[in-house]
Amino acid sequence: MKPEPLNLDIQLKVNLTYKWGNEYDFINFKKGYEKGFSEAQKVILKIVKQRIKSACEFYLRYKDNPKLLISEHKKYYDDVVGNFFRSFNSKTLEEYYDIDKYNEWLFKLAFKAMLEGENQ
């Protein structure tokens, strides 16, 4: 999985069908459902861990490096250049870009899914 901002939209389809003709069949169905639900929880947990890891890698890869971000993710060019670019007449990266504000923005971008949850 390539590094990318956190996305917690997970769609999991579980297909549990069972025919029953008496109460014992229903008990077996319930046990199967509980096992299926437990397996679904494991799958969801694995997906969430992978996505959090990807978001961390995304943040760490582009932290302090706006040029790399906009070279690999063109869709963020306007955000970065429009908000954090300072001057072409600078000698250091910090003079070209407002790195502290950029890093704060990048963190919010990487973990937007978690930060939006606080407001709900």
N, C-alpha and C. Protein backbone atom coordinates (compact mmCIF):
# COMPACT_ATOMS: atom_id res chain seq x y z
N MET A 1 0.85 -1.18 0.00
CA MET A 1 0.00 0.00 0.00
C MET A 1 0.90 1.24 0.00
N LYS A 2 0.66 2.16 -0.94
CA LYS A 2 1.46 3.37 -1.01
C LYS A 2 0.99 4.37 0.05
N PRO A 3 1.91 5.21 0.53
CA PRO A 3 1.52 6.20 1.53
C PRO A 3 0.47 7.16 0.97
N GLU A 4 -0.56 7.40 1.75
CA GLU A 4 -1.61 8.33 1.36
C GLU A 4 -2.34 8.81 2.61
N PRO A 5 -3.08 9.91 2.52
CA PRO A 5 -3.83 10.39 3.67
C PRO A 5 -4.81 9.32 4.17
N LEU A 6 -5.10 9.40 5.44
CA LEU A 6 -5.96 8.41 6.09
C LEU A 6 -7.37 8.43 5.52
N ASN A 7 -7.88 7.25 5.21
CA ASN A 7 -9.24 7.09 4.72
C ASN A 7 -9.89 5.99 5.55
N LEU A 8 -10.90 6.32 6.31
CA LEU A 8 -11.55 5.34 7.16
C LEU A 8 -12.88 4.85 6.61
N ASP A 9 -13.15 5.13 5.34
CA ASP A 9 -14.36 4.60 4.72
C ASP A 9 -14.10 3.15 4.36
N ILE A 10 -14.72 2.24 5.09
CA ILE A 10 -14.51 0.81 4.87
C ILE A 10 -15.84 0.17 4.55
N GLN A 11 -15.85 -0.54 3.44
CA GLN A 11 -17.05 -1.28 3.07
C GLN A 11 -16.71 -2.76 3.16
N LEU A 12 -17.44 -3.45 3.97
CA LEU A 12 -17.20 -4.87 4.15
C LEU A 12 -18.51 -5.59 3.89
N LYS A 13 -18.47 -6.54 3.00
CA LYS A 13 -19.67 -7.30 2.68
C LYS A 13 -19.54 -8.69 3.28
N VAL A 14 -20.48 -9.05 4.11
CA VAL A 14 -20.52 -10.36 4.71
C VAL A 14 -21.79 -11.05 4.23
N ASN A 15 -21.65 -12.20 3.65
CA ASN A 15 -22.79 -12.92 3.12
C ASN A 15 -23.06 -14.12 4.03
N LEU A 16 -24.08 -14.00 4.84
CA LEU A 16 -24.46 -15.08 5.73
C LEU A 16 -25.88 -15.55 5.37
N THR A 17 -25.94 -16.69 4.76
CA THR A 17 -27.25 -17.25 4.44
C THR A 17 -27.34 -18.61 5.11
N TYR A 18 -28.50 -18.92 5.59
CA TYR A 18 -28.69 -20.18 6.28
C TYR A 18 -30.17 -20.54 6.28
N LYS A 19 -30.47 -21.78 5.95
CA LYS A 19 -31.86 -22.24 6.03
C LYS A 19 -32.02 -23.00 7.33
N TRP A 20 -33.12 -22.77 7.97
CA TRP A 20 -33.37 -23.57 9.16
C TRP A 20 -34.81 -24.06 9.18
N GLY A 21 -34.93 -25.19 9.82
CA GLY A 21 -36.25 -25.80 9.89
C GLY A 21 -36.71 -25.98 11.32
N ASN A 22 -35.78 -25.85 12.27
CA ASN A 22 -36.16 -25.99 13.67
C ASN A 22 -35.26 -25.11 14.55
N GLU A 23 -35.50 -25.15 15.85
CA GLU A 23 -34.77 -24.27 16.76
C GLU A 23 -33.28 -24.58 16.82
N TYR A 24 -32.88 -25.84 16.60
CA TYR A 24 -31.46 -26.18 16.63
C TYR A 24 -30.72 -25.57 15.45
N ASP A 25 -31.40 -25.54 14.32
CA ASP A 25 -30.80 -24.89 13.16
C ASP A 25 -30.57 -23.40 13.42
N PHE A 26 -31.51 -22.78 14.12
CA PHE A 26 -31.34 -21.36 14.45
C PHE A 26 -30.14 -21.16 15.37
N ILE A 27 -29.94 -22.03 16.34
CA ILE A 27 -28.78 -21.93 17.24
C ILE A 27 -27.49 -22.06 16.44
N ASN A 28 -27.45 -23.00 15.50
CA ASN A 28 -26.26 -23.15 14.65
C ASN A 28 -26.04 -21.90 13.79
N PHE A 29 -27.13 -21.33 13.30
CA PHE A 29 -27.02 -20.11 12.51
C PHE A 29 -26.43 -18.99 13.37
N LYS A 30 -26.93 -18.87 14.59
CA LYS A 30 -26.43 -17.81 15.49
C LYS A 30 -24.95 -17.99 15.76
N LYS A 31 -24.50 -19.20 15.99
CA LYS A 31 -23.07 -19.45 16.22
C LYS A 31 -22.26 -19.08 14.98
N GLY A 32 -22.76 -19.45 13.82
CA GLY A 32 -22.08 -19.10 12.57
C GLY A 32 -22.02 -17.60 12.36
N TYR A 33 -23.10 -16.92 12.69
CA TYR A 33 -23.16 -15.47 12.55
C TYR A 33 -22.14 -14.81 13.48
N GLU A 34 -22.08 -15.27 14.72
CA GLU A 34 -21.14 -14.71 15.68
C GLU A 34 -19.71 -14.94 15.22
N LYS A 35 -19.42 -16.11 14.68
CA LYS A 35 -18.08 -16.39 14.17
C LYS A 35 -17.80 -15.49 12.97
N GLY A 36 -18.76 -15.35 12.08
CA GLY A 36 -18.60 -14.47 10.93
C GLY A 36 -18.38 -13.03 11.34
N PHE A 37 -19.09 -12.58 12.36
CA PHE A 37 -18.93 -11.22 12.85
C PHE A 37 -17.55 -11.03 13.44
N SER A 38 -17.08 -12.02 14.19
CA SER A 38 -15.74 -11.97 14.78
C SER A 38 -14.67 -11.88 13.69
N GLU A 39 -14.84 -12.66 12.62
CA GLU A 39 -13.90 -12.62 11.51
C GLU A 39 -13.95 -11.26 10.82
N ALA A 40 -15.14 -10.71 10.68
CA ALA A 40 -15.29 -9.39 10.07
C ALA A 40 -14.57 -8.33 10.89
N GLN A 41 -14.65 -8.41 12.21
CA GLN A 41 -13.95 -7.47 13.08
C GLN A 41 -12.44 -7.55 12.85
N LYS A 42 -11.91 -8.75 12.69
CA LYS A 42 -10.47 -8.92 12.45
C LYS A 42 -10.07 -8.28 11.13
N VAL A 43 -10.90 -8.46 10.12
CA VAL A 43 -10.61 -7.87 8.80
C VAL A 43 -10.64 -6.35 8.91
N ILE A 44 -11.64 -5.80 9.57
CA ILE A 44 -11.74 -4.34 9.72
C ILE A 44 -10.54 -3.80 10.48
N LEU A 45 -10.15 -4.46 11.55
CA LEU A 45 -9.00 -4.01 12.32
C LEU A 45 -7.73 -4.01 11.48
N LYS A 46 -7.55 -5.05 10.68
CA LYS A 46 -6.39 -5.12 9.80
C LYS A 46 -6.38 -3.98 8.79
N ILE A 47 -7.54 -3.70 8.20
CA ILE A 47 -7.64 -2.61 7.23
C ILE A 47 -7.33 -1.27 7.89
N VAL A 48 -7.89 -1.03 9.07
CA VAL A 48 -7.66 0.24 9.76
C VAL A 48 -6.18 0.41 10.10
N LYS A 49 -5.54 -0.65 10.58
CA LYS A 49 -4.10 -0.57 10.89
C LYS A 49 -3.29 -0.25 9.65
N GLN A 50 -3.61 -0.89 8.52
CA GLN A 50 -2.89 -0.62 7.27
C GLN A 50 -3.06 0.83 6.84
N ARG A 51 -4.27 1.34 6.98
CA ARG A 51 -4.53 2.71 6.55
C ARG A 51 -3.87 3.74 7.47
N ILE A 52 -3.83 3.46 8.77
CA ILE A 52 -3.13 4.37 9.69
C ILE A 52 -1.63 4.35 9.38
N LYS A 53 -1.09 3.18 9.13
CA LYS A 53 0.33 3.07 8.77
C LYS A 53 0.61 3.86 7.49
N SER A 54 -0.25 3.74 6.50
CA SER A 54 -0.08 4.46 5.24
C SER A 54 -0.12 5.98 5.47
N ALA A 55 -1.03 6.45 6.32
CA ALA A 55 -1.13 7.88 6.61
C ALA A 55 0.13 8.37 7.33
N CYS A 56 0.66 7.57 8.25
CA CYS A 56 1.90 7.94 8.95
C CYS A 56 3.06 8.03 7.95
N GLU A 57 3.14 7.05 7.06
CA GLU A 57 4.20 7.06 6.05
C GLU A 57 4.05 8.27 5.12
N PHE A 58 2.82 8.60 4.76
CA PHE A 58 2.56 9.76 3.93
C PHE A 58 3.08 11.02 4.61
N TYR A 59 2.72 11.21 5.88
CA TYR A 59 3.15 12.40 6.61
C TYR A 59 4.67 12.46 6.73
N LEU A 60 5.27 11.35 7.13
CA LEU A 60 6.73 11.34 7.33
C LEU A 60 7.49 11.53 6.02
N ARG A 61 6.97 10.99 4.94
CA ARG A 61 7.64 11.13 3.64
C ARG A 61 7.68 12.59 3.18
N TYR A 62 6.60 13.32 3.39
CA TYR A 62 6.50 14.68 2.84
C TYR A 62 6.73 15.78 3.88
N LYS A 63 6.92 15.41 5.14
CA LYS A 63 7.19 16.39 6.19
C LYS A 63 8.49 17.13 5.83
N ASP A 64 8.47 18.43 5.95
CA ASP A 64 9.62 19.28 5.64
C ASP A 64 10.02 19.22 4.17
N ASN A 65 9.15 18.68 3.29
CA ASN A 65 9.54 18.52 1.90
C ASN A 65 8.37 18.83 0.94
N PRO A 66 7.95 20.09 0.88
CA PRO A 66 6.82 20.43 0.00
C PRO A 66 7.13 20.18 -1.48
N LYS A 67 8.39 20.33 -1.86
CA LYS A 67 8.74 20.09 -3.27
C LYS A 67 8.48 18.65 -3.66
N LEU A 68 8.80 17.71 -2.79
CA LEU A 68 8.56 16.30 -3.08
C LEU A 68 7.06 16.02 -3.16
N LEU A 69 6.30 16.60 -2.25
CA LEU A 69 4.85 16.39 -2.27
C LEU A 69 4.25 16.85 -3.59
N ILE A 70 4.57 18.06 -4.01
CA ILE A 70 3.94 18.56 -5.23
C ILE A 70 4.51 17.91 -6.49
N SER A 71 5.71 17.34 -6.39
CA SER A 71 6.23 16.63 -7.56
C SER A 71 5.58 15.25 -7.71
N GLU A 72 5.20 14.63 -6.60
CA GLU A 72 4.59 13.30 -6.64
C GLU A 72 3.06 13.33 -6.59
N HIS A 73 2.49 14.43 -6.12
CA HIS A 73 1.03 14.57 -6.01
C HIS A 73 0.65 15.95 -6.54
N LYS A 74 0.50 16.03 -7.83
CA LYS A 74 0.21 17.30 -8.51
C LYS A 74 -1.07 17.97 -7.98
N LYS A 75 -2.00 17.18 -7.48
CA LYS A 75 -3.28 17.75 -7.02
C LYS A 75 -3.10 18.70 -5.84
N TYR A 76 -1.96 18.64 -5.14
CA TYR A 76 -1.73 19.53 -3.99
C TYR A 76 -0.90 20.76 -4.36
N TYR A 77 -0.55 20.89 -5.63
CA TYR A 77 0.31 22.01 -6.07
C TYR A 77 -0.28 23.36 -5.67
N ASP A 78 -1.54 23.59 -6.01
CA ASP A 78 -2.16 24.89 -5.72
C ASP A 78 -2.21 25.17 -4.22
N ASP A 79 -2.52 24.14 -3.43
CA ASP A 79 -2.56 24.33 -1.97
C ASP A 79 -1.19 24.72 -1.42
N VAL A 80 -0.18 24.00 -1.83
CA VAL A 80 1.17 24.24 -1.29
C VAL A 80 1.73 25.57 -1.77
N VAL A 81 1.73 25.77 -3.08
CA VAL A 81 2.32 27.00 -3.62
C VAL A 81 1.49 28.22 -3.22
N GLY A 82 0.18 28.08 -3.25
CA GLY A 82 -0.69 29.21 -2.91
C GLY A 82 -0.65 29.61 -1.45
N ASN A 83 -0.40 28.66 -0.57
CA ASN A 83 -0.46 28.97 0.87
C ASN A 83 0.89 29.04 1.58
N PHE A 84 1.90 28.37 1.06
CA PHE A 84 3.15 28.25 1.83
C PHE A 84 4.39 28.75 1.10
N PHE A 85 4.26 29.10 -0.17
CA PHE A 85 5.40 29.58 -0.95
C PHE A 85 5.71 31.01 -0.55
N ARG A 86 7.01 31.33 -0.42
CA ARG A 86 7.40 32.68 -0.01
C ARG A 86 8.08 33.45 -1.15
N SER A 87 9.20 32.92 -1.66
CA SER A 87 9.95 33.71 -2.64
C SER A 87 10.93 32.85 -3.43
N PHE A 88 11.15 33.21 -4.68
CA PHE A 88 12.16 32.54 -5.50
C PHE A 88 13.56 33.04 -5.15
N ASN A 89 13.65 34.19 -4.53
CA ASN A 89 14.95 34.81 -4.23
C ASN A 89 15.51 34.34 -2.90
N SER A 90 15.23 33.13 -2.51
CA SER A 90 15.67 32.61 -1.23
C SER A 90 16.76 31.57 -1.44
N LYS A 91 17.56 31.36 -0.41
CA LYS A 91 18.68 30.41 -0.50
C LYS A 91 18.38 29.07 0.15
N THR A 92 17.45 29.03 1.09
CA THR A 92 17.15 27.78 1.79
C THR A 92 15.69 27.40 1.59
N LEU A 93 15.40 26.13 1.81
CA LEU A 93 14.02 25.65 1.67
C LEU A 93 13.09 26.40 2.62
N GLU A 94 13.56 26.68 3.84
CA GLU A 94 12.74 27.38 4.82
C GLU A 94 12.39 28.79 4.34
N GLU A 95 13.29 29.39 3.54
CA GLU A 95 13.00 30.71 3.01
C GLU A 95 12.04 30.63 1.82
N TYR A 96 12.10 29.52 1.07
CA TYR A 96 11.16 29.32 -0.05
C TYR A 96 9.74 29.08 0.46
N TYR A 97 9.64 28.27 1.51
CA TYR A 97 8.33 27.85 2.03
C TYR A 97 8.24 28.12 3.52
N ASP A 98 7.05 28.37 3.98
CA ASP A 98 6.80 28.46 5.42
C ASP A 98 6.63 27.02 5.91
N ILE A 99 7.73 26.41 6.31
CA ILE A 99 7.77 24.98 6.61
C ILE A 99 6.89 24.61 7.81
N ASP A 100 6.88 25.45 8.83
CA ASP A 100 6.06 25.12 10.01
C ASP A 100 4.57 25.07 9.65
N LYS A 101 4.11 26.06 8.93
CA LYS A 101 2.69 26.06 8.53
C LYS A 101 2.40 24.93 7.54
N TYR A 102 3.35 24.67 6.65
CA TYR A 102 3.19 23.56 5.70
C TYR A 102 3.07 22.23 6.44
N ASN A 103 3.95 21.99 7.42
CA ASN A 103 3.91 20.73 8.17
C ASN A 103 2.60 20.57 8.95
N GLU A 104 2.10 21.66 9.49
CA GLU A 104 0.82 21.61 10.20
C GLU A 104 -0.31 21.26 9.22
N TRP A 105 -0.31 21.89 8.07
CA TRP A 105 -1.30 21.59 7.03
C TRP A 105 -1.19 20.14 6.57
N LEU A 106 0.04 19.67 6.37
CA LEU A 106 0.27 18.30 5.92
C LEU A 106 -0.25 17.29 6.95
N PHE A 107 -0.02 17.56 8.22
CA PHE A 107 -0.54 16.68 9.28
C PHE A 107 -2.06 16.61 9.23
N LYS A 108 -2.68 17.77 9.08
CA LYS A 108 -4.15 17.81 9.01
C LYS A 108 -4.65 17.09 7.76
N LEU A 109 -3.91 17.19 6.67
CA LEU A 109 -4.27 16.48 5.44
C LEU A 109 -4.15 14.97 5.64
N ALA A 110 -3.04 14.55 6.20
CA ALA A 110 -2.78 13.11 6.38
C ALA A 110 -3.79 12.45 7.31
N PHE A 111 -4.21 13.16 8.35
CA PHE A 111 -5.09 12.57 9.36
C PHE A 111 -6.46 13.24 9.41
N LYS A 112 -6.86 13.78 8.28
CA LYS A 112 -8.14 14.48 8.17
C LYS A 112 -9.32 13.61 8.65
N ALA A 113 -9.31 12.34 8.30
CA ALA A 113 -10.39 11.44 8.68
C ALA A 113 -10.54 11.36 10.21
N MET A 114 -9.44 11.39 10.91
CA MET A 114 -9.49 11.32 12.38
C MET A 114 -9.87 12.68 12.97
N LEU A 115 -9.32 13.73 12.43
CA LEU A 115 -9.57 15.06 12.97
C LEU A 115 -11.00 15.50 12.74
N GLU A 116 -11.60 15.12 11.62
CA GLU A 116 -13.00 15.46 11.37
C GLU A 116 -13.92 14.74 12.35
N GLY A 117 -13.53 13.58 12.80
CA GLY A 117 -14.33 12.81 13.74
C GLY A 117 -14.50 13.50 15.07
N GLU A 118 -13.54 14.37 15.44
CA GLU A 118 -13.62 15.09 16.71
C GLU A 118 -14.78 16.07 16.71
N ASN A 119 -15.13 16.58 15.54
CA ASN A 119 -16.19 17.60 15.45
C ASN A 119 -17.59 16.98 15.40
N GLN A 120 -17.69 15.69 15.24
CA GLN A 120 -19.00 15.06 15.10
C GLN A 120 -19.59 14.71 16.43
